[in-house]
Amino acid sequence: MIEASCHCGKVKINLPNSTETVTSCNCSVCGRFGALWAHFEPKQVSVSCHKDNLGAYCWGDKTIEFHHCKSCGCVTHYTPTKNANKERMAVNFRLAPTDILNSVKVRYFDGADTWQFIDK
């Protein structure tokens, strides 16, 4: 079990295991967040916090809702909306323990233009 958390610790995310890769996306919102997304099925992830500590932001085609801690501002995860694939969500893996984060491969995704992975 891996526990990720925001900076202040008010939002905790429990994951069943690590991942082999994380995704760095350069779309207009992810590029600003600086997140490294690890994808999971929603039923695999447990988010623990008081409901008043979690804020959300939805943009564009409204298929993803980005969540953040209202106290420290860390972007914690995104979830699908009613317009999206309900079997996939992502956790900002930058919130995982550093040794675990450093053990995964980063894949680069061009969400700004081509919607394809970029070889680096």
PDB file of N, CA and C in Angstrom:
ATOM      1  N   MET A   1       0.858  -1.178   0.000  1.00  0.00           N
ATOM      2  CA  MET A   1       0.000   0.000   0.000  1.00  0.00           C
ATOM      3  C   MET A   1       0.902   1.239   0.000  1.00  0.00           C
ATOM      4  N   ILE A   2       0.559   2.193  -0.831  1.00  0.00           N
ATOM      5  CA  ILE A   2       1.295   3.457  -0.903  1.00  0.00           C
ATOM      6  C   ILE A   2       0.373   4.562  -0.435  1.00  0.00           C
ATOM      7  N   GLU A   3       0.879   5.438   0.421  1.00  0.00           N
ATOM      8  CA  GLU A   3       0.108   6.601   0.834  1.00  0.00           C
ATOM      9  C   GLU A   3       0.752   7.852   0.263  1.00  0.00           C
ATOM     10  N   ALA A   4      -0.028   8.572  -0.516  1.00  0.00           N
ATOM     11  CA  ALA A   4       0.381   9.867  -1.049  1.00  0.00           C
ATOM     12  C   ALA A   4      -0.404  10.921  -0.279  1.00  0.00           C
ATOM     13  N   SER A   5       0.152  12.113  -0.168  1.00  0.00           N
ATOM     14  CA  SER A   5      -0.593  13.166   0.521  1.00  0.00           C
ATOM     15  C   SER A   5      -0.178  14.536  -0.002  1.00  0.00           C
ATOM     16  N   CYS A   6      -1.081  15.484   0.191  1.00  0.00           N
ATOM     17  CA  CYS A   6      -0.782  16.863  -0.150  1.00  0.00           C
ATOM     18  C   CYS A   6       0.265  17.391   0.838  1.00  0.00           C
ATOM     19  N   HIS A   7       0.721  18.598   0.638  1.00  0.00           N
ATOM     20  CA  HIS A   7       1.777  19.171   1.479  1.00  0.00           C
ATOM     21  C   HIS A   7       1.374  19.274   2.939  1.00  0.00           C
ATOM     22  N   CYS A   8       0.153  19.707   3.212  1.00  0.00           N
ATOM     23  CA  CYS A   8      -0.280  19.887   4.604  1.00  0.00           C
ATOM     24  C   CYS A   8      -0.806  18.598   5.232  1.00  0.00           C
ATOM     25  N   GLY A   9      -1.049  17.561   4.415  1.00  0.00           N
ATOM     26  CA  GLY A   9      -1.501  16.278   4.922  1.00  0.00           C
ATOM     27  C   GLY A   9      -2.997  16.157   5.131  1.00  0.00           C
ATOM     28  N   LYS A  10      -3.759  17.164   4.739  1.00  0.00           N
ATOM     29  CA  LYS A  10      -5.211  17.095   4.931  1.00  0.00           C
ATOM     30  C   LYS A  10      -5.905  16.206   3.902  1.00  0.00           C
ATOM     31  N   VAL A  11      -5.229  15.951   2.770  1.00  0.00           N
ATOM     32  CA  VAL A  11      -5.758  15.031   1.760  1.00  0.00           C
ATOM     33  C   VAL A  11      -4.765  13.886   1.630  1.00  0.00           C
ATOM     34  N   LYS A  12      -5.233  12.684   1.897  1.00  0.00           N
ATOM     35  CA  LYS A  12      -4.407  11.485   1.799  1.00  0.00           C
ATOM     36  C   LYS A  12      -5.018  10.554   0.760  1.00  0.00           C
ATOM     37  N   ILE A  13      -4.149   9.951  -0.035  1.00  0.00           N
ATOM     38  CA  ILE A  13      -4.599   9.043  -1.083  1.00  0.00           C
ATOM     39  C   ILE A  13      -3.873   7.719  -0.902  1.00  0.00           C
ATOM     40  N   ASN A  14      -4.634   6.650  -0.746  1.00  0.00           N
ATOM     41  CA  ASN A  14      -4.059   5.310  -0.616  1.00  0.00           C
ATOM     42  C   ASN A  14      -4.192   4.573  -1.933  1.00  0.00           C
ATOM     43  N   LEU A  15      -3.045   4.025  -2.371  1.00  0.00           N
ATOM     44  CA  LEU A  15      -2.972   3.288  -3.625  1.00  0.00           C
ATOM     45  C   LEU A  15      -2.576   1.851  -3.331  1.00  0.00           C
ATOM     46  N   PRO A  16      -3.093   0.900  -4.089  1.00  0.00           N
ATOM     47  CA  PRO A  16      -2.793  -0.508  -3.806  1.00  0.00           C
ATOM     48  C   PRO A  16      -1.334  -0.870  -4.083  1.00  0.00           C
ATOM     49  N   ASN A  17      -0.733  -0.185  -5.044  1.00  0.00           N
ATOM     50  CA  ASN A  17       0.638  -0.485  -5.430  1.00  0.00           C
ATOM     51  C   ASN A  17       1.190   0.671  -6.242  1.00  0.00           C
ATOM     52  N   SER A  18       2.433   0.539  -6.630  1.00  0.00           N
ATOM     53  CA  SER A  18       3.048   1.563  -7.457  1.00  0.00           C
ATOM     54  C   SER A  18       2.624   1.349  -8.907  1.00  0.00           C
ATOM     55  N   THR A  19       3.240   2.073  -9.777  1.00  0.00           N
ATOM     56  CA  THR A  19       2.987   1.974 -11.200  1.00  0.00           C
ATOM     57  C   THR A  19       4.334   1.942 -11.902  1.00  0.00           C
ATOM     58  N   GLU A  20       4.387   1.423 -13.097  1.00  0.00           N
ATOM     59  CA  GLU A  20       5.653   1.397 -13.826  1.00  0.00           C
ATOM     60  C   GLU A  20       5.949   2.735 -14.490  1.00  0.00           C
ATOM     61  N   THR A  21       4.875   3.443 -14.889  1.00  0.00           N
ATOM     62  CA  THR A  21       5.060   4.714 -15.591  1.00  0.00           C
ATOM     63  C   THR A  21       4.105   5.772 -15.036  1.00  0.00           C
ATOM     64  N   VAL A  22       4.510   7.008 -15.209  1.00  0.00           N
ATOM     65  CA  VAL A  22       3.642   8.148 -14.941  1.00  0.00           C
ATOM     66  C   VAL A  22       3.653   9.009 -16.200  1.00  0.00           C
ATOM     67  N   THR A  23       2.631   9.842 -16.340  1.00  0.00           N
ATOM     68  CA  THR A  23       2.509  10.661 -17.539  1.00  0.00           C
ATOM     69  C   THR A  23       2.672  12.137 -17.209  1.00  0.00           C
ATOM     70  N   SER A  24       3.549  12.791 -17.971  1.00  0.00           N
ATOM     71  CA  SER A  24       3.707  14.235 -17.919  1.00  0.00           C
ATOM     72  C   SER A  24       3.029  14.789 -19.165  1.00  0.00           C
ATOM     73  N   CYS A  25       1.957  15.549 -18.962  1.00  0.00           N
ATOM     74  CA  CYS A  25       1.171  16.091 -20.075  1.00  0.00           C
ATOM     75  C   CYS A  25       1.433  17.595 -20.184  1.00  0.00           C
ATOM     76  N   ASN A  26       1.494  18.098 -21.416  1.00  0.00           N
ATOM     77  CA  ASN A  26       1.758  19.517 -21.632  1.00  0.00           C
ATOM     78  C   ASN A  26       0.515  20.302 -22.056  1.00  0.00           C
ATOM     79  N   CYS A  27      -0.678  19.763 -21.792  1.00  0.00           N
ATOM     80  CA  CYS A  27      -1.885  20.515 -22.148  1.00  0.00           C
ATOM     81  C   CYS A  27      -1.950  21.798 -21.313  1.00  0.00           C
ATOM     82  N   SER A  28      -2.887  22.654 -21.610  1.00  0.00           N
ATOM     83  CA  SER A  28      -2.929  23.969 -20.967  1.00  0.00           C
ATOM     84  C   SER A  28      -3.093  23.903 -19.461  1.00  0.00           C
ATOM     85  N   VAL A  29      -3.733  22.891 -18.937  1.00  0.00           N
ATOM     86  CA  VAL A  29      -3.914  22.803 -17.489  1.00  0.00           C
ATOM     87  C   VAL A  29      -2.836  21.935 -16.829  1.00  0.00           C
ATOM     88  N   CYS A  30      -2.547  20.777 -17.374  1.00  0.00           N
ATOM     89  CA  CYS A  30      -1.537  19.893 -16.761  1.00  0.00           C
ATOM     90  C   CYS A  30      -0.155  20.538 -16.759  1.00  0.00           C
ATOM     91  N   GLY A  31       0.164  21.254 -17.818  1.00  0.00           N
ATOM     92  CA  GLY A  31       1.455  21.942 -17.873  1.00  0.00           C
ATOM     93  C   GLY A  31       1.606  22.951 -16.747  1.00  0.00           C
ATOM     94  N   ARG A  32       0.522  23.574 -16.361  1.00  0.00           N
ATOM     95  CA  ARG A  32       0.566  24.529 -15.249  1.00  0.00           C
ATOM     96  C   ARG A  32       0.597  23.823 -13.893  1.00  0.00           C
ATOM     97  N   PHE A  33      -0.096  22.694 -13.796  1.00  0.00           N
ATOM     98  CA  PHE A  33      -0.109  21.946 -12.535  1.00  0.00           C
ATOM     99  C   PHE A  33       1.246  21.298 -12.256  1.00  0.00           C
ATOM    100  N   GLY A  34       1.949  20.871 -13.293  1.00  0.00           N
ATOM    101  CA  GLY A  34       3.222  20.184 -13.105  1.00  0.00           C
ATOM    102  C   GLY A  34       3.069  18.790 -12.526  1.00  0.00           C
ATOM    103  N   ALA A  35       1.917  18.204 -12.699  1.00  0.00           N
ATOM    104  CA  ALA A  35       1.635  16.884 -12.136  1.00  0.00           C
ATOM    105  C   ALA A  35       2.288  15.781 -12.969  1.00  0.00           C
ATOM    106  N   LEU A  36       2.557  14.670 -12.311  1.00  0.00           N
ATOM    107  CA  LEU A  36       2.938  13.434 -12.978  1.00  0.00           C
ATOM    108  C   LEU A  36       1.829  12.443 -12.676  1.00  0.00           C
ATOM    109  N   TRP A  37       1.030  12.118 -13.684  1.00  0.00           N
ATOM    110  CA  TRP A  37      -0.192  11.349 -13.478  1.00  0.00           C
ATOM    111  C   TRP A  37       0.052   9.846 -13.506  1.00  0.00           C
ATOM    112  N   ALA A  38      -0.384   9.183 -12.463  1.00  0.00           N
ATOM    113  CA  ALA A  38      -0.401   7.715 -12.392  1.00  0.00           C
ATOM    114  C   ALA A  38      -1.861   7.291 -12.504  1.00  0.00           C
ATOM    115  N   HIS A  39      -2.164   6.436 -13.453  1.00  0.00           N
ATOM    116  CA  HIS A  39      -3.552   6.060 -13.736  1.00  0.00           C
ATOM    117  C   HIS A  39      -3.948   4.760 -13.042  1.00  0.00           C
ATOM    118  N   PHE A  40      -5.170   4.768 -12.511  1.00  0.00           N
ATOM    119  CA  PHE A  40      -5.724   3.633 -11.781  1.00  0.00           C
ATOM    120  C   PHE A  40      -7.208   3.525 -12.075  1.00  0.00           C
ATOM    121  N   GLU A  41      -7.785   2.386 -11.718  1.00  0.00           N
ATOM    122  CA  GLU A  41      -9.233   2.264 -11.711  1.00  0.00           C
ATOM    123  C   GLU A  41      -9.720   2.946 -10.428  1.00  0.00           C
ATOM    124  N   PRO A  42     -10.806   3.706 -10.479  1.00  0.00           N
ATOM    125  CA  PRO A  42     -11.284   4.409  -9.281  1.00  0.00           C
ATOM    126  C   PRO A  42     -11.486   3.508  -8.069  1.00  0.00           C
ATOM    127  N   LYS A  43     -11.914   2.268  -8.273  1.00  0.00           N
ATOM    128  CA  LYS A  43     -12.151   1.381  -7.138  1.00  0.00           C
ATOM    129  C   LYS A  43     -10.860   0.973  -6.437  1.00  0.00           C
ATOM    130  N   GLN A  44      -9.694   1.211  -7.067  1.00  0.00           N
ATOM    131  CA  GLN A  44      -8.410   0.873  -6.465  1.00  0.00           C
ATOM    132  C   GLN A  44      -7.884   1.975  -5.541  1.00  0.00           C
ATOM    133  N   VAL A  45      -8.452   3.168  -5.636  1.00  0.00           N
ATOM    134  CA  VAL A  45      -7.912   4.341  -4.958  1.00  0.00           C
ATOM    135  C   VAL A  45      -8.845   4.787  -3.836  1.00  0.00           C
ATOM    136  N   SER A  46      -8.254   5.123  -2.705  1.00  0.00           N
ATOM    137  CA  SER A  46      -9.024   5.648  -1.579  1.00  0.00           C
ATOM    138  C   SER A  46      -8.526   7.050  -1.241  1.00  0.00           C
ATOM    139  N   VAL A  47      -9.418   8.029  -1.316  1.00  0.00           N
ATOM    140  CA  VAL A  47      -9.084   9.413  -0.974  1.00  0.00           C
ATOM    141  C   VAL A  47      -9.693   9.709   0.388  1.00  0.00           C
ATOM    142  N   SER A  48      -8.852  10.139   1.330  1.00  0.00           N
ATOM    143  CA  SER A  48      -9.310  10.424   2.689  1.00  0.00           C
ATOM    144  C   SER A  48      -9.104  11.898   3.008  1.00  0.00           C
ATOM    145  N   CYS A  49     -10.206  12.570   3.281  1.00  0.00           N
ATOM    146  CA  CYS A  49     -10.137  13.964   3.699  1.00  0.00           C
ATOM    147  C   CYS A  49     -11.545  14.408   4.110  1.00  0.00           C
ATOM    148  N   HIS A  50     -11.605  15.504   4.804  1.00  0.00           N
ATOM    149  CA  HIS A  50     -12.899  16.114   5.089  1.00  0.00           C
ATOM    150  C   HIS A  50     -13.379  16.755   3.799  1.00  0.00           C
ATOM    151  N   LYS A  51     -14.651  16.611   3.475  1.00  0.00           N
ATOM    152  CA  LYS A  51     -15.167  17.107   2.189  1.00  0.00           C
ATOM    153  C   LYS A  51     -14.924  18.593   1.985  1.00  0.00           C
ATOM    154  N   ASP A  52     -14.831  19.369   3.059  1.00  0.00           N
ATOM    155  CA  ASP A  52     -14.582  20.803   2.934  1.00  0.00           C
ATOM    156  C   ASP A  52     -13.136  21.121   2.566  1.00  0.00           C
ATOM    157  N   ASN A  53     -12.233  20.138   2.655  1.00  0.00           N
ATOM    158  CA  ASN A  53     -10.815  20.363   2.328  1.00  0.00           C
ATOM    159  C   ASN A  53     -10.502  20.156   0.857  1.00  0.00           C
ATOM    160  N   LEU A  54     -11.452  19.616   0.095  1.00  0.00           N
ATOM    161  CA  LEU A  54     -11.188  19.273  -1.290  1.00  0.00           C
ATOM    162  C   LEU A  54     -11.955  20.188  -2.232  1.00  0.00           C
ATOM    163  N   GLY A  55     -11.221  20.815  -3.139  1.00  0.00           N
ATOM    164  CA  GLY A  55     -11.833  21.645  -4.167  1.00  0.00           C
ATOM    165  C   GLY A  55     -11.723  20.947  -5.509  1.00  0.00           C
ATOM    166  N   ALA A  56     -12.472  21.416  -6.494  1.00  0.00           N
ATOM    167  CA  ALA A  56     -12.451  20.786  -7.815  1.00  0.00           C
ATOM    168  C   ALA A  56     -12.503  21.845  -8.908  1.00  0.00           C
ATOM    169  N   TYR A  57     -11.947  21.489 -10.059  1.00  0.00           N
ATOM    170  CA  TYR A  57     -11.913  22.360 -11.227  1.00  0.00           C
ATOM    171  C   TYR A  57     -12.154  21.505 -12.466  1.00  0.00           C
ATOM    172  N   CYS A  58     -13.057  21.966 -13.320  1.00  0.00           N
ATOM    173  CA  CYS A  58     -13.385  21.256 -14.545  1.00  0.00           C
ATOM    174  C   CYS A  58     -13.212  22.224 -15.712  1.00  0.00           C
ATOM    175  N   TRP A  59     -12.671  21.741 -16.831  1.00  0.00           N
ATOM    176  CA  TRP A  59     -12.331  22.626 -17.942  1.00  0.00           C
ATOM    177  C   TRP A  59     -12.654  21.958 -19.268  1.00  0.00           C
ATOM    178  N   GLY A  60     -12.799  22.722 -20.309  1.00  0.00           N
ATOM    179  CA  GLY A  60     -12.919  22.203 -21.672  1.00  0.00           C
ATOM    180  C   GLY A  60     -14.131  21.329 -21.889  1.00  0.00           C
ATOM    181  N   ASP A  61     -13.888  20.081 -22.297  1.00  0.00           N
ATOM    182  CA  ASP A  61     -14.996  19.176 -22.621  1.00  0.00           C
ATOM    183  C   ASP A  61     -15.641  18.559 -21.382  1.00  0.00           C
ATOM    184  N   LYS A  62     -15.181  18.956 -20.212  1.00  0.00           N
ATOM    185  CA  LYS A  62     -15.782  18.564 -18.922  1.00  0.00           C
ATOM    186  C   LYS A  62     -15.792  17.049 -18.697  1.00  0.00           C
ATOM    187  N   THR A  63     -14.717  16.371 -19.122  1.00  0.00           N
ATOM    188  CA  THR A  63     -14.628  14.926 -18.901  1.00  0.00           C
ATOM    189  C   THR A  63     -13.767  14.579 -17.691  1.00  0.00           C
ATOM    190  N   ILE A  64     -13.010  15.555 -17.193  1.00  0.00           N
ATOM    191  CA  ILE A  64     -12.122  15.336 -16.046  1.00  0.00           C
ATOM    192  C   ILE A  64     -12.373  16.431 -15.015  1.00  0.00           C
ATOM    193  N   GLU A  65     -12.432  16.025 -13.758  1.00  0.00           N
ATOM    194  CA  GLU A  65     -12.537  16.976 -12.658  1.00  0.00           C
ATOM    195  C   GLU A  65     -11.237  16.892 -11.858  1.00  0.00           C
ATOM    196  N   PHE A  66     -10.474  17.993 -11.862  1.00  0.00           N
ATOM    197  CA  PHE A  66      -9.207  18.053 -11.135  1.00  0.00           C
ATOM    198  C   PHE A  66      -9.495  18.445  -9.695  1.00  0.00           C
ATOM    199  N   HIS A  67      -8.903  17.704  -8.751  1.00  0.00           N
ATOM    200  CA  HIS A  67      -9.128  17.967  -7.332  1.00  0.00           C
ATOM    201  C   HIS A  67      -7.864  18.526  -6.694  1.00  0.00           C
ATOM    202  N   HIS A  68      -8.060  19.403  -5.720  1.00  0.00           N
ATOM    203  CA  HIS A  68      -6.929  20.008  -5.015  1.00  0.00           C
ATOM    204  C   HIS A  68      -7.280  20.234  -3.549  1.00  0.00           C
ATOM    205  N   CYS A  69      -6.245  20.315  -2.726  1.00  0.00           N
ATOM    206  CA  CYS A  69      -6.434  20.615  -1.307  1.00  0.00           C
ATOM    207  C   CYS A  69      -6.697  22.109  -1.177  1.00  0.00           C
ATOM    208  N   LYS A  70      -7.773  22.469  -0.518  1.00  0.00           N
ATOM    209  CA  LYS A  70      -8.104  23.881  -0.338  1.00  0.00           C
ATOM    210  C   LYS A  70      -7.166  24.572   0.647  1.00  0.00           C
ATOM    211  N   SER A  71      -6.477  23.807   1.460  1.00  0.00           N
ATOM    212  CA  SER A  71      -5.578  24.402   2.449  1.00  0.00           C
ATOM    213  C   SER A  71      -4.213  24.734   1.854  1.00  0.00           C
ATOM    214  N   CYS A  72      -3.539  23.752   1.250  1.00  0.00           N
ATOM    215  CA  CYS A  72      -2.186  23.998   0.739  1.00  0.00           C
ATOM    216  C   CYS A  72      -2.139  24.188  -0.779  1.00  0.00           C
ATOM    217  N   GLY A  73      -3.214  23.860  -1.478  1.00  0.00           N
ATOM    218  CA  GLY A  73      -3.294  24.097  -2.919  1.00  0.00           C
ATOM    219  C   GLY A  73      -2.780  22.981  -3.811  1.00  0.00           C
ATOM    220  N   CYS A  74      -2.229  21.916  -3.250  1.00  0.00           N
ATOM    221  CA  CYS A  74      -1.698  20.828  -4.081  1.00  0.00           C
ATOM    222  C   CYS A  74      -2.790  20.175  -4.918  1.00  0.00           C
ATOM    223  N   VAL A  75      -2.509  19.977  -6.205  1.00  0.00           N
ATOM    224  CA  VAL A  75      -3.395  19.210  -7.070  1.00  0.00           C
ATOM    225  C   VAL A  75      -3.154  17.750  -6.723  1.00  0.00           C
ATOM    226  N   THR A  76      -4.207  17.054  -6.302  1.00  0.00           N
ATOM    227  CA  THR A  76      -4.052  15.706  -5.765  1.00  0.00           C
ATOM    228  C   THR A  76      -4.405  14.592  -6.751  1.00  0.00           C
ATOM    229  N   HIS A  77      -5.489  14.778  -7.507  1.00  0.00           N
ATOM    230  CA  HIS A  77      -5.937  13.721  -8.404  1.00  0.00           C
ATOM    231  C   HIS A  77      -6.983  14.272  -9.357  1.00  0.00           C
ATOM    232  N   TYR A  78      -7.315  13.472 -10.358  1.00  0.00           N
ATOM    233  CA  TYR A  78      -8.483  13.810 -11.173  1.00  0.00           C
ATOM    234  C   TYR A  78      -9.385  12.600 -11.283  1.00  0.00           C
ATOM    235  N   THR A  79     -10.656  12.892 -11.451  1.00  0.00           N
ATOM    236  CA  THR A  79     -11.667  11.848 -11.573  1.00  0.00           C
ATOM    237  C   THR A  79     -12.485  12.102 -12.837  1.00  0.00           C
ATOM    238  N   PRO A  80     -13.073  11.050 -13.388  1.00  0.00           N
ATOM    239  CA  PRO A  80     -13.923  11.228 -14.561  1.00  0.00           C
ATOM    240  C   PRO A  80     -15.252  11.859 -14.161  1.00  0.00           C
ATOM    241  N   THR A  81     -15.822  12.611 -15.068  1.00  0.00           N
ATOM    242  CA  THR A  81     -17.158  13.166 -14.858  1.00  0.00           C
ATOM    243  C   THR A  81     -18.168  12.233 -15.519  1.00  0.00           C
ATOM    244  N   LYS A  82     -19.412  12.626 -15.491  1.00  0.00           N
ATOM    245  CA  LYS A  82     -20.458  11.795 -16.104  1.00  0.00           C
ATOM    246  C   LYS A  82     -20.268  11.654 -17.609  1.00  0.00           C
ATOM    247  N   ASN A  83     -19.474  12.550 -18.218  1.00  0.00           N
ATOM    248  CA  ASN A  83     -19.252  12.527 -19.661  1.00  0.00           C
ATOM    249  C   ASN A  83     -18.049  11.679 -20.068  1.00  0.00           C
ATOM    250  N   ALA A  84     -17.427  10.977 -19.105  1.00  0.00           N
ATOM    251  CA  ALA A  84     -16.145  10.330 -19.396  1.00  0.00           C
ATOM    252  C   ALA A  84     -16.130   8.851 -19.063  1.00  0.00           C
ATOM    253  N   ASN A  85     -14.994   8.238 -19.355  1.00  0.00           N
ATOM    254  CA  ASN A  85     -14.731   6.840 -19.024  1.00  0.00           C
ATOM    255  C   ASN A  85     -14.622   6.704 -17.509  1.00  0.00           C
ATOM    256  N   LYS A  86     -15.561   6.035 -16.885  1.00  0.00           N
ATOM    257  CA  LYS A  86     -15.618   5.905 -15.419  1.00  0.00           C
ATOM    258  C   LYS A  86     -14.589   4.921 -14.875  1.00  0.00           C
ATOM    259  N   GLU A  87     -13.886   4.205 -15.730  1.00  0.00           N
ATOM    260  CA  GLU A  87     -12.943   3.174 -15.291  1.00  0.00           C
ATOM    261  C   GLU A  87     -11.519   3.683 -15.142  1.00  0.00           C
ATOM    262  N   ARG A  88     -11.311   5.003 -15.278  1.00  0.00           N
ATOM    263  CA  ARG A  88      -9.955   5.536 -15.224  1.00  0.00           C
ATOM    264  C   ARG A  88      -9.931   6.858 -14.473  1.00  0.00           C
ATOM    265  N   MET A  89      -8.991   6.946 -13.549  1.00  0.00           N
ATOM    266  CA  MET A  89      -8.733   8.201 -12.847  1.00  0.00           C
ATOM    267  C   MET A  89      -7.220   8.311 -12.717  1.00  0.00           C
ATOM    268  N   ALA A  90      -6.743   9.427 -12.213  1.00  0.00           N
ATOM    269  CA  ALA A  90      -5.302   9.589 -12.054  1.00  0.00           C
ATOM    270  C   ALA A  90      -4.988  10.268 -10.730  1.00  0.00           C
ATOM    271  N   VAL A  91      -3.838   9.905 -10.193  1.00  0.00           N
ATOM    272  CA  VAL A  91      -3.326  10.491  -8.960  1.00  0.00           C
ATOM    273  C   VAL A  91      -2.039  11.228  -9.309  1.00  0.00           C
ATOM    274  N   ASN A  92      -1.865  12.408  -8.742  1.00  0.00           N
ATOM    275  CA  ASN A  92      -0.628  13.153  -8.941  1.00  0.00           C
ATOM    276  C   ASN A  92       0.471  12.424  -8.169  1.00  0.00           C
ATOM    277  N   PHE A  93       1.305  11.695  -8.884  1.00  0.00           N
ATOM    278  CA  PHE A  93       2.310  10.849  -8.248  1.00  0.00           C
ATOM    279  C   PHE A  93       3.440  11.666  -7.625  1.00  0.00           C
ATOM    280  N   ARG A  94       3.479  12.968  -7.868  1.00  0.00           N
ATOM    281  CA  ARG A  94       4.447  13.819  -7.172  1.00  0.00           C
ATOM    282  C   ARG A  94       4.159  13.850  -5.674  1.00  0.00           C
ATOM    283  N   LEU A  95       2.965  13.416  -5.277  1.00  0.00           N
ATOM    284  CA  LEU A  95       2.589  13.385  -3.867  1.00  0.00           C
ATOM    285  C   LEU A  95       2.991  12.077  -3.192  1.00  0.00           C
ATOM    286  N   ALA A  96       3.495  11.126  -3.962  1.00  0.00           N
ATOM    287  CA  ALA A  96       3.958   9.843  -3.415  1.00  0.00           C
ATOM    288  C   ALA A  96       5.325  10.044  -2.754  1.00  0.00           C
ATOM    289  N   PRO A  97       5.724   9.120  -1.892  1.00  0.00           N
ATOM    290  CA  PRO A  97       7.063   9.212  -1.302  1.00  0.00           C
ATOM    291  C   PRO A  97       8.131   9.310  -2.397  1.00  0.00           C
ATOM    292  N   THR A  98       9.150  10.124  -2.170  1.00  0.00           N
ATOM    293  CA  THR A  98      10.168  10.412  -3.174  1.00  0.00           C
ATOM    294  C   THR A  98      10.854   9.167  -3.712  1.00  0.00           C
ATOM    295  N   ASP A  99      11.166   8.208  -2.859  1.00  0.00           N
ATOM    296  CA  ASP A  99      11.855   7.012  -3.343  1.00  0.00           C
ATOM    297  C   ASP A  99      10.989   6.224  -4.324  1.00  0.00           C
ATOM    298  N   ILE A 100       9.693   6.226  -4.110  1.00  0.00           N
ATOM    299  CA  ILE A 100       8.785   5.536  -5.031  1.00  0.00           C
ATOM    300  C   ILE A 100       8.651   6.334  -6.326  1.00  0.00           C
ATOM    301  N   LEU A 101       8.485   7.649  -6.218  1.00  0.00           N
ATOM    302  CA  LEU A 101       8.396   8.503  -7.413  1.00  0.00           C
ATOM    303  C   LEU A 101       9.639   8.351  -8.282  1.00  0.00           C
ATOM    304  N   ASN A 102      10.805   8.318  -7.662  1.00  0.00           N
ATOM    305  CA  ASN A 102      12.052   8.224  -8.422  1.00  0.00           C
ATOM    306  C   ASN A 102      12.254   6.869  -9.088  1.00  0.00           C
ATOM    307  N   SER A 103      11.450   5.885  -8.749  1.00  0.00           N
ATOM    308  CA  SER A 103      11.616   4.546  -9.319  1.00  0.00           C
ATOM    309  C   SER A 103      10.760   4.307 -10.567  1.00  0.00           C
ATOM    310  N   VAL A 104       9.929   5.270 -10.939  1.00  0.00           N
ATOM    311  CA  VAL A 104       9.048   5.069 -12.091  1.00  0.00           C
ATOM    312  C   VAL A 104       9.548   5.835 -13.314  1.00  0.00           C
ATOM    313  N   LYS A 105       9.180   5.339 -14.472  1.00  0.00           N
ATOM    314  CA  LYS A 105       9.548   5.972 -15.737  1.00  0.00           C
ATOM    315  C   LYS A 105       8.526   7.063 -16.072  1.00  0.00           C
ATOM    316  N   VAL A 106       9.010   8.195 -16.553  1.00  0.00           N
ATOM    317  CA  VAL A 106       8.129   9.294 -16.969  1.00  0.00           C
ATOM    318  C   VAL A 106       7.922   9.205 -18.479  1.00  0.00           C
ATOM    319  N   ARG A 107       6.642   9.183 -18.879  1.00  0.00           N
ATOM    320  CA  ARG A 107       6.282   9.243 -20.292  1.00  0.00           C
ATOM    321  C   ARG A 107       5.721  10.636 -20.564  1.00  0.00           C
ATOM    322  N   TYR A 108       6.073  11.197 -21.709  1.00  0.00           N
ATOM    323  CA  TYR A 108       5.652  12.549 -22.062  1.00  0.00           C
ATOM    324  C   TYR A 108       4.537  12.495 -23.094  1.00  0.00           C
ATOM    325  N   PHE A 109       3.440  13.185 -22.778  1.00  0.00           N
ATOM    326  CA  PHE A 109       2.260  13.173 -23.638  1.00  0.00           C
ATOM    327  C   PHE A 109       2.000  14.581 -24.156  1.00  0.00           C
ATOM    328  N   ASP A 110       1.839  14.702 -25.463  1.00  0.00           N
ATOM    329  CA  ASP A 110       1.556  15.995 -26.086  1.00  0.00           C
ATOM    330  C   ASP A 110       0.056  16.235 -26.110  1.00  0.00           C
ATOM    331  N   GLY A 111      -0.476  16.672 -24.970  1.00  0.00           N
ATOM    332  CA  GLY A 111      -1.889  16.984 -24.865  1.00  0.00           C
ATOM    333  C   GLY A 111      -2.230  18.357 -25.423  1.00  0.00           C
ATOM    334  N   ALA A 112      -1.192  19.128 -25.782  1.00  0.00           N
ATOM    335  CA  ALA A 112      -1.410  20.467 -26.327  1.00  0.00           C
ATOM    336  C   ALA A 112      -1.714  20.437 -27.822  1.00  0.00           C
ATOM    337  N   ASP A 113      -1.112  19.483 -28.547  1.00  0.00           N
ATOM    338  CA  ASP A 113      -1.256  19.505 -29.996  1.00  0.00           C
ATOM    339  C   ASP A 113      -1.650  18.161 -30.602  1.00  0.00           C
ATOM    340  N   THR A 114      -0.782  17.170 -30.510  1.00  0.00           N
ATOM    341  CA  THR A 114      -0.962  15.945 -31.292  1.00  0.00           C
ATOM    342  C   THR A 114      -1.734  14.831 -30.588  1.00  0.00           C
ATOM    343  N   TRP A 115      -1.894  14.903 -29.290  1.00  0.00           N
ATOM    344  CA  TRP A 115      -2.530  13.852 -28.480  1.00  0.00           C
ATOM    345  C   TRP A 115      -1.807  12.516 -28.668  1.00  0.00           C
ATOM    346  N   GLN A 116      -0.483  12.578 -28.707  1.00  0.00           N
ATOM    347  CA  GLN A 116       0.333  11.379 -28.821  1.00  0.00           C
ATOM    348  C   GLN A 116       1.472  11.452 -27.825  1.00  0.00           C
ATOM    349  N   PHE A 117       1.999  10.282 -27.466  1.00  0.00           N
ATOM    350  CA  PHE A 117       3.175  10.250 -26.598  1.00  0.00           C
ATOM    351  C   PHE A 117       4.388  10.699 -27.383  1.00  0.00           C
ATOM    352  N   ILE A 118       5.290  11.397 -26.711  1.00  0.00           N
ATOM    353  CA  ILE A 118       6.501  11.948 -27.302  1.00  0.00           C
ATOM    354  C   ILE A 118       7.682  11.119 -26.816  1.00  0.00           C
ATOM    355  N   ASP A 119       8.515  10.669 -27.713  1.00  0.00           N
ATOM    356  CA  ASP A 119       9.731   9.946 -27.338  1.00  0.00           C
ATOM    357  C   ASP A 119      10.798  10.962 -26.957  1.00  0.00           C
ATOM    358  N   LYS A 120      11.385  10.764 -25.786  1.00  0.00           N
ATOM    359  CA  LYS A 120      12.474  11.651 -25.343  1.00  0.00           C
ATOM    360  C   LYS A 120      13.686  10.843 -25.046  1.00  0.00           C
TER     361      LYS A 120
END
